[in-house]
Amino acid sequence: MEELEHTCPHPRTTLTEPAIFAAETSCDCRAPHEKLSITQACRGTPVDRPVRVYADGIFDLFHSGHARALMQAKNLFPNTYLIVGVCSDELTHKYKGFTVMTEHERYEALRHCRYVDEVLRDAPWTLTPEFLEKHKIDFVAHDDIPYSSAGSEDVYKHIKEAGMFVPTQRTEGISTSDIITRIVRDYDVYARRNLQRGYTAKELNVSYINEKKYRLQNQVDRMKEKVRNVEEKSKHFVYRVEEKSHDLIQKWEEKSREFIGNFLELFGPDGTWKQVFQERSGRMLSYALSPRESPCNSPPRELSPLRSPSPPSPPARWYNARPSPPTSPKGASASMSSMSEGDEDEK
């Protein structure tokens, strides 16, 4: 008999589009799918088809813990085709409780996870052998903590016994229940915020009294924010004034040092002013000791009308006989000799 080739879909290699939705029969491959062991799957066999791994859950408020679990399931084997089953609202509300997100929102959240190759809508709460055979599932991935639900201590017990269960690790510190707990704990904060954003009290299921209280608190918060902004602006203004004052003081110190240096250079003990004063004092003293002669051709002074006229000048011979006294000793001796000769002539 001729062997049939596997036509199973392969893992997606591009992330430009979301994962596909599973059809009524997600794998229409007619080739037989032999049962694999975990050891065989880890070795990368079979080589002609991918290992089909199934992971299911509610995935409400899809968060990083969900994504990390799916990442582990995707990386279990070298060639993994990851199918993710998402339970409907009807099953979830019946066995677990009310959800924040609707089933369609949860479907779309899974489709846009990079590790998911195919999303199975309205997944069953308990995995039956018929379901596993229908979708040709090789292994089921989930955390190893017993999941008690629907009257069973562990809904994955029969999967574990069949050797088809592969455990993943939970991410501590994050879960859907933790996120909901935070919202309930800070309900007043979120209610006030949504009222401020335009939601009505009816949409938030808030009573009339609480609505007025929240709106009053929002007004108080706005006033506090305005006061805080004014304080910040005033602090910024004071800081700028301090910076300006520091700059002015620094410039004043520089100018004062420059002024003092110039003053000392000019009026100091060895300054320029002392040298100028000494030079001027020396010139004044030398002028007092030896004044300059008056010019010979200076005009005669006019007589005052109140002053009496001077006596008439002597005769010419006396003027000629007695010249003005000389200024030098040689001139004096010459004048004396001339006078003696004149006297002898008169005798």
C-alpha atoms as a PDB file:
ATOM      1  CA  MET A   1       0.000   0.000   0.000  1.00  0.00           C
ATOM      2  CA  GLU A   2       1.328   3.401  -0.896  1.00  0.00           C
ATOM      3  CA  GLU A   3       2.308   5.552   2.051  1.00  0.00           C
ATOM      4  CA  LEU A   4       0.486   8.866   2.356  1.00  0.00           C
ATOM      5  CA  GLU A   5       2.437  12.061   2.793  1.00  0.00           C
ATOM      6  CA  HIS A   6       1.770  14.293   5.775  1.00  0.00           C
ATOM      7  CA  THR A   7      -0.126  17.447   4.930  1.00  0.00           C
ATOM      8  CA  CYS A   8      -0.198  18.884   8.455  1.00  0.00           C
ATOM      9  CA  PRO A   9       0.094  22.677   8.635  1.00  0.00           C
ATOM     10  CA  HIS A  10       3.548  23.914   9.575  1.00  0.00           C
ATOM     11  CA  PRO A  11       4.421  26.555  12.165  1.00  0.00           C
ATOM     12  CA  ARG A  12       4.057  30.049  10.875  1.00  0.00           C
ATOM     13  CA  THR A  13       7.277  31.729   9.887  1.00  0.00           C
ATOM     14  CA  THR A  14       5.973  35.280   9.602  1.00  0.00           C
ATOM     15  CA  LEU A  15       4.523  37.502  12.308  1.00  0.00           C
ATOM     16  CA  THR A  16       2.901  40.056  10.046  1.00  0.00           C
ATOM     17  CA  GLU A  17      -0.521  38.410  10.437  1.00  0.00           C
ATOM     18  CA  PRO A  18      -2.354  36.919  13.439  1.00  0.00           C
ATOM     19  CA  ALA A  19      -2.663  33.186  13.982  1.00  0.00           C
ATOM     20  CA  ILE A  20      -5.432  31.311  12.201  1.00  0.00           C
ATOM     21  CA  PHE A  21      -8.596  29.934  13.774  1.00  0.00           C
ATOM     22  CA  ALA A  22      -8.927  26.179  13.861  1.00  0.00           C
ATOM     23  CA  ALA A  23     -11.533  24.725  11.533  1.00  0.00           C
ATOM     24  CA  GLU A  24     -13.952  21.978  12.443  1.00  0.00           C
ATOM     25  CA  THR A  25     -11.139  19.555  11.758  1.00  0.00           C
ATOM     26  CA  SER A  26      -7.939  21.476  12.313  1.00  0.00           C
ATOM     27  CA  CYS A  27      -5.795  18.837  10.663  1.00  0.00           C
ATOM     28  CA  ASP A  28      -7.130  17.132   7.547  1.00  0.00           C
ATOM     29  CA  CYS A  29      -3.961  15.124   7.073  1.00  0.00           C
ATOM     30  CA  ARG A  30      -4.843  11.533   6.138  1.00  0.00           C
ATOM     31  CA  ALA A  31      -1.449  10.086   6.867  1.00  0.00           C
ATOM     32  CA  PRO A  32      -1.332   8.073  10.087  1.00  0.00           C
ATOM     33  CA  HIS A  33       0.035   9.877  13.142  1.00  0.00           C
ATOM     34  CA  GLU A  34       2.010   7.378  15.148  1.00  0.00           C
ATOM     35  CA  LYS A  35       2.234   7.923  18.882  1.00  0.00           C
ATOM     36  CA  LEU A  36       5.377   9.791  19.881  1.00  0.00           C
ATOM     37  CA  SER A  37       7.344   9.705  23.069  1.00  0.00           C
ATOM     38  CA  ILE A  38       8.826  12.835  24.605  1.00  0.00           C
ATOM     39  CA  THR A  39      12.314  11.510  23.864  1.00  0.00           C
ATOM     40  CA  GLN A  40      11.520  11.056  20.165  1.00  0.00           C
ATOM     41  CA  ALA A  41       9.972  14.507  19.943  1.00  0.00           C
ATOM     42  CA  CYS A  42      13.017  16.080  21.621  1.00  0.00           C
ATOM     43  CA  ARG A  43      15.267  14.442  18.993  1.00  0.00           C
ATOM     44  CA  GLY A  44      13.302  16.177  16.246  1.00  0.00           C
ATOM     45  CA  THR A  45      11.468  13.145  14.925  1.00  0.00           C
ATOM     46  CA  PRO A  46       9.463  12.631  12.879  1.00  0.00           C
ATOM     47  CA  VAL A  47      11.123  14.821  10.306  1.00  0.00           C
ATOM     48  CA  ASP A  48       8.246  14.867   7.849  1.00  0.00           C
ATOM     49  CA  ARG A  49       5.760  16.641  10.134  1.00  0.00           C
ATOM     50  CA  PRO A  50       5.732  18.999  13.125  1.00  0.00           C
ATOM     51  CA  VAL A  51       4.929  17.918  16.679  1.00  0.00           C
ATOM     52  CA  ARG A  52       1.422  19.102  17.480  1.00  0.00           C
ATOM     53  CA  VAL A  53       1.237  20.523  21.023  1.00  0.00           C
ATOM     54  CA  TYR A  54      -2.038  21.635  22.615  1.00  0.00           C
ATOM     55  CA  ALA A  55      -2.413  24.172  25.454  1.00  0.00           C
ATOM     56  CA  ASP A  56      -5.776  25.336  26.794  1.00  0.00           C
ATOM     57  CA  GLY A  57      -7.075  27.834  29.313  1.00  0.00           C
ATOM     58  CA  ILE A  58      -9.363  30.793  29.984  1.00  0.00           C
ATOM     59  CA  PHE A  59      -6.756  33.488  29.267  1.00  0.00           C
ATOM     60  CA  ASP A  60      -8.818  36.257  30.847  1.00  0.00           C
ATOM     61  CA  LEU A  61      -6.960  39.580  31.016  1.00  0.00           C
ATOM     62  CA  PHE A  62      -4.160  38.124  28.917  1.00  0.00           C
ATOM     63  CA  HIS A  63      -0.868  38.965  30.646  1.00  0.00           C
ATOM     64  CA  SER A  64       2.820  38.076  30.635  1.00  0.00           C
ATOM     65  CA  GLY A  65       2.260  34.921  32.699  1.00  0.00           C
ATOM     66  CA  HIS A  66       0.062  33.509  29.942  1.00  0.00           C
ATOM     67  CA  ALA A  67       2.568  34.510  27.266  1.00  0.00           C
ATOM     68  CA  ARG A  68       5.491  32.890  29.104  1.00  0.00           C
ATOM     69  CA  ALA A  69       3.572  29.610  29.478  1.00  0.00           C
ATOM     70  CA  LEU A  70       2.837  29.579  25.754  1.00  0.00           C
ATOM     71  CA  MET A  71       6.473  30.400  25.010  1.00  0.00           C
ATOM     72  CA  GLN A  72       7.546  27.352  27.001  1.00  0.00           C
ATOM     73  CA  ALA A  73       5.036  25.167  25.155  1.00  0.00           C
ATOM     74  CA  LYS A  74       6.275  26.473  21.810  1.00  0.00           C
ATOM     75  CA  ASN A  75       9.908  25.706  22.674  1.00  0.00           C
ATOM     76  CA  LEU A  76       9.335  22.187  24.008  1.00  0.00           C
ATOM     77  CA  PHE A  77      10.517  20.523  20.793  1.00  0.00           C
ATOM     78  CA  PRO A  78      12.586  21.556  17.775  1.00  0.00           C
ATOM     79  CA  ASN A  79       9.574  21.601  15.428  1.00  0.00           C
ATOM     80  CA  THR A  80       6.448  22.511  17.390  1.00  0.00           C
ATOM     81  CA  TYR A  81       3.056  23.472  16.039  1.00  0.00           C
ATOM     82  CA  LEU A  82       1.227  25.117  18.954  1.00  0.00           C
ATOM     83  CA  ILE A  83      -2.569  24.917  19.147  1.00  0.00           C
ATOM     84  CA  VAL A  84      -4.241  26.965  21.900  1.00  0.00           C
ATOM     85  CA  GLY A  85      -7.757  26.133  23.031  1.00  0.00           C
ATOM     86  CA  VAL A  86      -9.854  28.889  24.623  1.00  0.00           C
ATOM     87  CA  CYS A  87     -12.978  28.023  26.585  1.00  0.00           C
ATOM     88  CA  SER A  88     -16.208  29.879  25.852  1.00  0.00           C
ATOM     89  CA  ASP A  89     -18.015  32.206  28.247  1.00  0.00           C
ATOM     90  CA  GLU A  90     -20.691  29.593  28.891  1.00  0.00           C
ATOM     91  CA  LEU A  91     -18.269  26.924  30.093  1.00  0.00           C
ATOM     92  CA  THR A  92     -16.120  29.403  32.003  1.00  0.00           C
ATOM     93  CA  HIS A  93     -19.023  30.981  33.876  1.00  0.00           C
ATOM     94  CA  LYS A  94     -20.324  27.519  34.690  1.00  0.00           C
ATOM     95  CA  TYR A  95     -17.129  25.955  36.036  1.00  0.00           C
ATOM     96  CA  LYS A  96     -14.934  28.864  37.106  1.00  0.00           C
ATOM     97  CA  GLY A  97     -16.800  32.150  37.342  1.00  0.00           C
ATOM     98  CA  PHE A  98     -17.430  35.442  35.643  1.00  0.00           C
ATOM     99  CA  THR A  99     -14.781  36.830  33.319  1.00  0.00           C
ATOM    100  CA  VAL A 100     -13.718  40.392  32.647  1.00  0.00           C
ATOM    101  CA  MET A 101     -13.178  39.864  28.920  1.00  0.00           C
ATOM    102  CA  THR A 102     -15.668  38.248  26.599  1.00  0.00           C
ATOM    103  CA  GLU A 103     -14.801  35.079  24.722  1.00  0.00           C
ATOM    104  CA  HIS A 104     -14.294  36.978  21.448  1.00  0.00           C
ATOM    105  CA  GLU A 105     -11.892  39.393  23.134  1.00  0.00           C
ATOM    106  CA  ARG A 106      -9.986  36.440  24.570  1.00  0.00           C
ATOM    107  CA  TYR A 107      -9.859  34.725  21.179  1.00  0.00           C
ATOM    108  CA  GLU A 108      -8.369  37.809  19.570  1.00  0.00           C
ATOM    109  CA  ALA A 109      -5.845  38.246  22.378  1.00  0.00           C
ATOM    110  CA  LEU A 110      -4.509  34.739  21.706  1.00  0.00           C
ATOM    111  CA  ARG A 111      -4.409  35.220  17.954  1.00  0.00           C
ATOM    112  CA  HIS A 112      -1.953  38.089  18.373  1.00  0.00           C
ATOM    113  CA  CYS A 113       0.476  36.175  20.555  1.00  0.00           C
ATOM    114  CA  ARG A 114       3.655  35.455  18.607  1.00  0.00           C
ATOM    115  CA  TYR A 115       4.010  31.876  19.917  1.00  0.00           C
ATOM    116  CA  VAL A 116       0.560  30.708  18.825  1.00  0.00           C
ATOM    117  CA  ASP A 117       0.084  28.968  15.457  1.00  0.00           C
ATOM    118  CA  GLU A 118      -3.617  28.176  15.730  1.00  0.00           C
ATOM    119  CA  VAL A 119      -6.506  29.147  18.056  1.00  0.00           C
ATOM    120  CA  LEU A 120      -9.269  26.669  18.851  1.00  0.00           C
ATOM    121  CA  ARG A 121     -12.494  28.423  19.849  1.00  0.00           C
ATOM    122  CA  ASP A 122     -15.006  26.934  22.305  1.00  0.00           C
ATOM    123  CA  ALA A 123     -12.486  24.452  23.638  1.00  0.00           C
ATOM    124  CA  PRO A 124     -13.794  21.593  25.834  1.00  0.00           C
ATOM    125  CA  TRP A 125     -13.352  21.735  29.607  1.00  0.00           C
ATOM    126  CA  THR A 126     -12.138  18.118  29.736  1.00  0.00           C
ATOM    127  CA  LEU A 127      -9.995  16.587  27.012  1.00  0.00           C
ATOM    128  CA  THR A 128     -11.399  13.337  25.736  1.00  0.00           C
ATOM    129  CA  PRO A 129      -9.517  10.768  23.595  1.00  0.00           C
ATOM    130  CA  GLU A 130     -11.897  11.542  20.738  1.00  0.00           C
ATOM    131  CA  PHE A 131     -10.968  15.214  20.884  1.00  0.00           C
ATOM    132  CA  LEU A 132      -7.241  14.389  20.904  1.00  0.00           C
ATOM    133  CA  GLU A 133      -7.623  12.065  17.966  1.00  0.00           C
ATOM    134  CA  LYS A 134      -9.785  14.478  16.026  1.00  0.00           C
ATOM    135  CA  HIS A 135      -7.180  17.243  16.193  1.00  0.00           C
ATOM    136  CA  LYS A 136      -4.230  14.815  16.013  1.00  0.00           C
ATOM    137  CA  ILE A 137      -2.675  16.167  19.208  1.00  0.00           C
ATOM    138  CA  ASP A 138       0.645  14.663  20.261  1.00  0.00           C
ATOM    139  CA  PHE A 139       1.152  16.368  23.634  1.00  0.00           C
ATOM    140  CA  VAL A 140      -0.715  18.617  26.061  1.00  0.00           C
ATOM    141  CA  ALA A 141       1.195  21.447  27.813  1.00  0.00           C
ATOM    142  CA  HIS A 142       0.107  22.918  31.148  1.00  0.00           C
ATOM    143  CA  ASP A 143       1.587  23.668  34.548  1.00  0.00           C
ATOM    144  CA  ASP A 144       2.024  20.602  36.753  1.00  0.00           C
ATOM    145  CA  ILE A 145      -0.208  21.828  39.601  1.00  0.00           C
ATOM    146  CA  PRO A 146      -3.323  19.581  39.851  1.00  0.00           C
ATOM    147  CA  TYR A 147      -6.250  21.442  38.360  1.00  0.00           C
ATOM    148  CA  SER A 148      -9.355  20.417  40.286  1.00  0.00           C
ATOM    149  CA  SER A 149     -12.606  21.237  38.511  1.00  0.00           C
ATOM    150  CA  ALA A 150     -15.871  19.682  37.310  1.00  0.00           C
ATOM    151  CA  GLY A 151     -15.853  17.128  40.120  1.00  0.00           C
ATOM    152  CA  SER A 152     -12.320  15.950  39.326  1.00  0.00           C
ATOM    153  CA  GLU A 153      -9.218  16.355  41.453  1.00  0.00           C
ATOM    154  CA  ASP A 154      -7.131  16.861  38.333  1.00  0.00           C
ATOM    155  CA  VAL A 155      -8.660  17.272  34.881  1.00  0.00           C
ATOM    156  CA  TYR A 156      -5.291  16.353  33.307  1.00  0.00           C
ATOM    157  CA  LYS A 157      -4.862  13.125  35.238  1.00  0.00           C
ATOM    158  CA  HIS A 158      -5.705  10.821  32.327  1.00  0.00           C
ATOM    159  CA  ILE A 159      -3.418  12.847  30.021  1.00  0.00           C
ATOM    160  CA  LYS A 160      -0.535  12.358  32.432  1.00  0.00           C
ATOM    161  CA  GLU A 161      -1.236   8.652  32.682  1.00  0.00           C
ATOM    162  CA  ALA A 162      -1.165   8.379  28.876  1.00  0.00           C
ATOM    163  CA  GLY A 163       2.309   9.963  28.723  1.00  0.00           C
ATOM    164  CA  MET A 164       1.062  12.908  26.689  1.00  0.00           C
ATOM    165  CA  PHE A 165       1.481  15.623  29.336  1.00  0.00           C
ATOM    166  CA  VAL A 166       4.392  18.082  29.225  1.00  0.00           C
ATOM    167  CA  PRO A 167       4.650  20.473  32.209  1.00  0.00           C
ATOM    168  CA  THR A 168       5.353  24.193  31.999  1.00  0.00           C
ATOM    169  CA  GLN A 169       6.372  26.577  34.797  1.00  0.00           C
ATOM    170  CA  ARG A 170       4.063  29.223  36.245  1.00  0.00           C
ATOM    171  CA  THR A 171       5.246  32.809  36.469  1.00  0.00           C
ATOM    172  CA  GLU A 172       5.182  33.958  40.077  1.00  0.00           C
ATOM    173  CA  GLY A 173       3.733  37.345  40.984  1.00  0.00           C
ATOM    174  CA  ILE A 174       1.304  37.667  38.100  1.00  0.00           C
ATOM    175  CA  SER A 175      -2.093  36.100  37.493  1.00  0.00           C
ATOM    176  CA  THR A 176      -5.599  37.087  36.477  1.00  0.00           C
ATOM    177  CA  SER A 177      -6.783  36.804  40.078  1.00  0.00           C
ATOM    178  CA  ASP A 178      -3.994  39.160  41.232  1.00  0.00           C
ATOM    179  CA  ILE A 179      -4.976  41.776  38.652  1.00  0.00           C
ATOM    180  CA  ILE A 180      -8.647  41.589  39.645  1.00  0.00           C
ATOM    181  CA  THR A 181      -7.656  41.881  43.315  1.00  0.00           C
ATOM    182  CA  ARG A 182      -5.779  45.092  42.567  1.00  0.00           C
ATOM    183  CA  ILE A 183      -8.801  46.524  40.771  1.00  0.00           C
ATOM    184  CA  VAL A 184     -11.143  45.651  43.650  1.00  0.00           C
ATOM    185  CA  ARG A 185      -8.702  47.022  46.213  1.00  0.00           C
ATOM    186  CA  ASP A 186      -8.368  50.338  44.379  1.00  0.00           C
ATOM    187  CA  TYR A 187     -11.957  50.478  43.208  1.00  0.00           C
ATOM    188  CA  ASP A 188     -12.503  54.077  44.366  1.00  0.00           C
ATOM    189  CA  VAL A 189      -9.460  55.276  42.440  1.00  0.00           C
ATOM    190  CA  TYR A 190     -10.554  53.633  39.191  1.00  0.00           C
ATOM    191  CA  ALA A 191     -14.177  54.753  39.628  1.00  0.00           C
ATOM    192  CA  ARG A 192     -13.094  58.365  40.146  1.00  0.00           C
ATOM    193  CA  ARG A 193     -10.759  58.191  37.169  1.00  0.00           C
ATOM    194  CA  ASN A 194     -13.446  56.812  34.854  1.00  0.00           C
ATOM    195  CA  LEU A 195     -15.974  59.372  36.040  1.00  0.00           C
ATOM    196  CA  GLN A 196     -13.444  62.061  35.214  1.00  0.00           C
ATOM    197  CA  ARG A 197     -12.958  60.541  31.748  1.00  0.00           C
ATOM    198  CA  GLY A 198     -16.675  60.808  30.959  1.00  0.00           C
ATOM    199  CA  TYR A 199     -18.206  57.506  32.069  1.00  0.00           C
ATOM    200  CA  THR A 200     -21.592  57.780  33.770  1.00  0.00           C
ATOM    201  CA  ALA A 201     -22.403  56.528  37.243  1.00  0.00           C
ATOM    202  CA  LYS A 202     -24.812  54.037  35.740  1.00  0.00           C
ATOM    203  CA  GLU A 203     -22.115  52.541  33.542  1.00  0.00           C
ATOM    204  CA  LEU A 204     -19.845  52.192  36.570  1.00  0.00           C
ATOM    205  CA  ASN A 205     -22.682  50.933  38.814  1.00  0.00           C
ATOM    206  CA  VAL A 206     -22.004  53.767  41.261  1.00  0.00           C
ATOM    207  CA  SER A 207     -24.713  55.173  43.540  1.00  0.00           C
ATOM    208  CA  TYR A 208     -25.742  58.837  43.506  1.00  0.00           C
ATOM    209  CA  ILE A 209     -24.050  59.582  46.822  1.00  0.00           C
ATOM    210  CA  ASN A 210     -20.803  57.916  45.799  1.00  0.00           C
ATOM    211  CA  GLU A 211     -20.875  59.736  42.489  1.00  0.00           C
ATOM    212  CA  LYS A 212     -21.070  63.111  44.254  1.00  0.00           C
ATOM    213  CA  LYS A 213     -18.345  62.027  46.672  1.00  0.00           C
ATOM    214  CA  TYR A 214     -16.051  60.951  43.852  1.00  0.00           C
ATOM    215  CA  ARG A 215     -16.642  64.148  41.899  1.00  0.00           C
ATOM    216  CA  LEU A 216     -15.901  66.243  44.991  1.00  0.00           C
ATOM    217  CA  GLN A 217     -12.716  64.260  45.545  1.00  0.00           C
ATOM    218  CA  ASN A 218     -11.748  64.851  41.926  1.00  0.00           C
ATOM    219  CA  GLN A 219     -12.209  68.606  42.403  1.00  0.00           C
ATOM    220  CA  VAL A 220     -10.082  68.511  45.538  1.00  0.00           C
ATOM    221  CA  ASP A 221      -7.408  66.582  43.676  1.00  0.00           C
ATOM    222  CA  ARG A 222      -7.447  69.148  40.883  1.00  0.00           C
ATOM    223  CA  MET A 223      -7.025  71.955  43.395  1.00  0.00           C
ATOM    224  CA  LYS A 224      -4.137  70.076  45.006  1.00  0.00           C
ATOM    225  CA  GLU A 225      -2.586  69.621  41.595  1.00  0.00           C
ATOM    226  CA  LYS A 226      -2.889  73.358  40.883  1.00  0.00           C
ATOM    227  CA  VAL A 227      -1.319  74.209  44.241  1.00  0.00           C
ATOM    228  CA  ARG A 228       1.440  71.714  43.549  1.00  0.00           C
ATOM    229  CA  ASN A 229       2.071  73.273  40.146  1.00  0.00           C
ATOM    230  CA  VAL A 230       2.234  76.737  41.692  1.00  0.00           C
ATOM    231  CA  GLU A 231       4.696  75.475  44.292  1.00  0.00           C
ATOM    232  CA  GLU A 232       6.825  73.902  41.606  1.00  0.00           C
ATOM    233  CA  LYS A 233       6.800  77.095  39.563  1.00  0.00           C
ATOM    234  CA  SER A 234       7.660  79.191  42.626  1.00  0.00           C
ATOM    235  CA  LYS A 235      10.497  76.830  43.499  1.00  0.00           C
ATOM    236  CA  HIS A 236      11.748  77.088  39.942  1.00  0.00           C
ATOM    237  CA  PHE A 237      11.532  80.900  40.114  1.00  0.00           C
ATOM    238  CA  VAL A 238      13.403  81.015  43.433  1.00  0.00           C
ATOM    239  CA  TYR A 239      16.020  78.687  42.028  1.00  0.00           C
ATOM    240  CA  ARG A 240      16.511  80.936  39.002  1.00  0.00           C
ATOM    241  CA  VAL A 241      16.744  84.009  41.259  1.00  0.00           C
ATOM    242  CA  GLU A 242      19.369  82.256  43.356  1.00  0.00           C
ATOM    243  CA  GLU A 243      21.312  81.385  40.232  1.00  0.00           C
ATOM    244  CA  LYS A 244      21.120  85.010  39.046  1.00  0.00           C
ATOM    245  CA  SER A 245      22.177  86.288  42.466  1.00  0.00           C
ATOM    246  CA  HIS A 246      25.123  83.906  42.525  1.00  0.00           C
ATOM    247  CA  ASP A 247      26.128  85.121  39.080  1.00  0.00           C
ATOM    248  CA  LEU A 248      25.801  88.760  40.121  1.00  0.00           C
ATOM    249  CA  ILE A 249      27.816  88.176  43.302  1.00  0.00           C
ATOM    250  CA  GLN A 250      30.491  86.361  41.337  1.00  0.00           C
ATOM    251  CA  LYS A 251      30.668  89.161  38.761  1.00  0.00           C
ATOM    252  CA  TRP A 252      30.737  91.781  41.551  1.00  0.00           C
ATOM    253  CA  GLU A 253      33.607  89.957  43.243  1.00  0.00           C
ATOM    254  CA  GLU A 254      35.517  89.800  39.971  1.00  0.00           C
ATOM    255  CA  LYS A 255      34.920  93.514  39.292  1.00  0.00           C
ATOM    256  CA  SER A 256      35.828  94.445  42.875  1.00  0.00           C
ATOM    257  CA  ARG A 257      39.069  92.485  42.679  1.00  0.00           C
ATOM    258  CA  GLU A 258      39.831  94.166  39.366  1.00  0.00           C
ATOM    259  CA  PHE A 259      39.045  97.629  40.837  1.00  0.00           C
ATOM    260  CA  ILE A 260      41.168  97.013  43.934  1.00  0.00           C
ATOM    261  CA  GLY A 261      44.053  95.763  41.784  1.00  0.00           C
ATOM    262  CA  ASN A 262      43.878  98.844  39.571  1.00  0.00           C
ATOM    263  CA  PHE A 263      43.661 101.110  42.629  1.00  0.00           C
ATOM    264  CA  LEU A 264      46.709  99.510  44.235  1.00  0.00           C
ATOM    265  CA  GLU A 265      48.575  99.649  40.956  1.00  0.00           C
ATOM    266  CA  LEU A 266      47.844 103.373  40.741  1.00  0.00           C
ATOM    267  CA  PHE A 267      47.947 104.514  44.382  1.00  0.00           C
ATOM    268  CA  GLY A 268      49.950 101.753  46.041  1.00  0.00           C
ATOM    269  CA  PRO A 269      53.384 102.214  47.703  1.00  0.00           C
ATOM    270  CA  ASP A 270      55.085 101.534  44.370  1.00  0.00           C
ATOM    271  CA  GLY A 271      52.253 102.727  42.176  1.00  0.00           C
ATOM    272  CA  THR A 272      52.201 104.928  39.131  1.00  0.00           C
ATOM    273  CA  TRP A 273      50.764 107.913  41.038  1.00  0.00           C
ATOM    274  CA  LYS A 274      53.739 108.006  43.419  1.00  0.00           C
ATOM    275  CA  GLN A 275      56.189 108.056  40.542  1.00  0.00           C
ATOM    276  CA  VAL A 276      54.253 110.869  38.856  1.00  0.00           C
ATOM    277  CA  PHE A 277      54.143 112.836  42.113  1.00  0.00           C
ATOM    278  CA  GLN A 278      57.852 112.362  42.712  1.00  0.00           C
ATOM    279  CA  GLU A 279      58.705 113.503  39.191  1.00  0.00           C
ATOM    280  CA  ARG A 280      56.465 116.582  39.500  1.00  0.00           C
ATOM    281  CA  SER A 281      57.874 117.468  42.944  1.00  0.00           C
ATOM    282  CA  GLY A 282      61.425 117.240  41.577  1.00  0.00           C
ATOM    283  CA  ARG A 283      60.604 119.540  38.713  1.00  0.00           C
ATOM    284  CA  MET A 284      59.000 122.102  41.034  1.00  0.00           C
ATOM    285  CA  LEU A 285      61.998 122.055  43.397  1.00  0.00           C
ATOM    286  CA  SER A 286      64.500 122.483  40.572  1.00  0.00           C
ATOM    287  CA  TYR A 287      62.466 125.388  39.211  1.00  0.00           C
ATOM    288  CA  ALA A 288      62.430 127.080  42.624  1.00  0.00           C
ATOM    289  CA  LEU A 289      66.212 126.778  43.006  1.00  0.00           C
ATOM    290  CA  SER A 290      67.112 127.939  39.482  1.00  0.00           C
ATOM    291  CA  PRO A 291      64.256 129.868  37.819  1.00  0.00           C
ATOM    292  CA  ARG A 292      64.474 130.687  34.156  1.00  0.00           C
ATOM    293  CA  GLU A 293      65.709 134.145  33.038  1.00  0.00           C
ATOM    294  CA  SER A 294      63.244 136.637  31.697  1.00  0.00           C
ATOM    295  CA  PRO A 295      63.666 137.444  28.010  1.00  0.00           C
ATOM    296  CA  CYS A 296      65.803 140.488  27.060  1.00  0.00           C
ATOM    297  CA  ASN A 297      63.395 141.865  24.509  1.00  0.00           C
ATOM    298  CA  SER A 298      60.463 142.030  26.868  1.00  0.00           C
ATOM    299  CA  PRO A 299      58.476 145.251  26.445  1.00  0.00           C
ATOM    300  CA  PRO A 300      58.886 147.967  29.162  1.00  0.00           C
ATOM    301  CA  ARG A 301      56.153 148.334  31.630  1.00  0.00           C
ATOM    302  CA  GLU A 302      53.962 151.413  31.268  1.00  0.00           C
ATOM    303  CA  LEU A 303      53.989 153.895  34.065  1.00  0.00           C
ATOM    304  CA  SER A 304      50.991 154.267  36.108  1.00  0.00           C
ATOM    305  CA  PRO A 305      49.406 157.730  35.944  1.00  0.00           C
ATOM    306  CA  LEU A 306      49.545 158.019  39.729  1.00  0.00           C
ATOM    307  CA  ARG A 307      53.254 157.300  39.914  1.00  0.00           C
ATOM    308  CA  SER A 308      55.550 160.366  39.841  1.00  0.00           C
ATOM    309  CA  PRO A 309      57.861 160.665  36.886  1.00  0.00           C
ATOM    310  CA  SER A 310      61.405 159.516  37.346  1.00  0.00           C
ATOM    311  CA  PRO A 311      64.174 162.173  37.446  1.00  0.00           C
ATOM    312  CA  PRO A 312      65.673 163.160  34.132  1.00  0.00           C
ATOM    313  CA  SER A 313      68.485 161.089  32.878  1.00  0.00           C
ATOM    314  CA  PRO A 314      72.049 162.445  33.231  1.00  0.00           C
ATOM    315  CA  PRO A 315      73.872 164.054  30.364  1.00  0.00           C
ATOM    316  CA  ALA A 316      75.035 161.987  27.589  1.00  0.00           C
ATOM    317  CA  ARG A 317      78.606 162.116  28.579  1.00  0.00           C
ATOM    318  CA  TRP A 318      77.825 160.754  31.949  1.00  0.00           C
ATOM    319  CA  TYR A 319      75.733 158.119  30.266  1.00  0.00           C
ATOM    320  CA  ASN A 320      78.615 157.344  28.012  1.00  0.00           C
ATOM    321  CA  ALA A 321      81.214 157.714  30.729  1.00  0.00           C
ATOM    322  CA  ARG A 322      79.472 155.392  33.114  1.00  0.00           C
ATOM    323  CA  PRO A 323      78.073 152.362  31.456  1.00  0.00           C
ATOM    324  CA  SER A 324      75.976 149.753  33.263  1.00  0.00           C
ATOM    325  CA  PRO A 325      77.945 147.450  35.448  1.00  0.00           C
ATOM    326  CA  PRO A 326      79.038 144.311  33.674  1.00  0.00           C
ATOM    327  CA  THR A 327      77.846 140.975  34.633  1.00  0.00           C
ATOM    328  CA  SER A 328      81.240 139.245  34.494  1.00  0.00           C
ATOM    329  CA  PRO A 329      84.476 139.925  36.423  1.00  0.00           C
ATOM    330  CA  LYS A 330      86.409 140.693  33.222  1.00  0.00           C
ATOM    331  CA  GLY A 331      83.882 143.315  32.307  1.00  0.00           C
ATOM    332  CA  ALA A 332      84.150 144.833  35.783  1.00  0.00           C
ATOM    333  CA  SER A 333      87.912 145.226  35.523  1.00  0.00           C
ATOM    334  CA  ALA A 334      87.626 146.751  32.077  1.00  0.00           C
ATOM    335  CA  SER A 335      85.120 149.322  33.319  1.00  0.00           C
ATOM    336  CA  MET A 336      87.327 150.266  36.221  1.00  0.00           C
ATOM    337  CA  SER A 337      90.276 150.891  33.915  1.00  0.00           C
ATOM    338  CA  SER A 338      88.194 153.040  31.627  1.00  0.00           C
ATOM    339  CA  MET A 339      86.951 155.111  34.532  1.00  0.00           C
ATOM    340  CA  SER A 340      90.487 155.777  35.766  1.00  0.00           C
ATOM    341  CA  GLU A 341      91.558 156.952  32.339  1.00  0.00           C
ATOM    342  CA  GLY A 342      88.659 159.337  32.166  1.00  0.00           C
ATOM    343  CA  ASP A 343      89.528 160.890  35.445  1.00  0.00           C
ATOM    344  CA  GLU A 344      93.061 161.538  34.331  1.00  0.00           C
ATOM    345  CA  ASP A 345      91.832 163.321  31.210  1.00  0.00           C
ATOM    346  CA  GLU A 346      89.657 165.590  33.242  1.00  0.00           C
ATOM    347  CA  LYS A 347      92.495 166.502  35.473  1.00  0.00           C
END
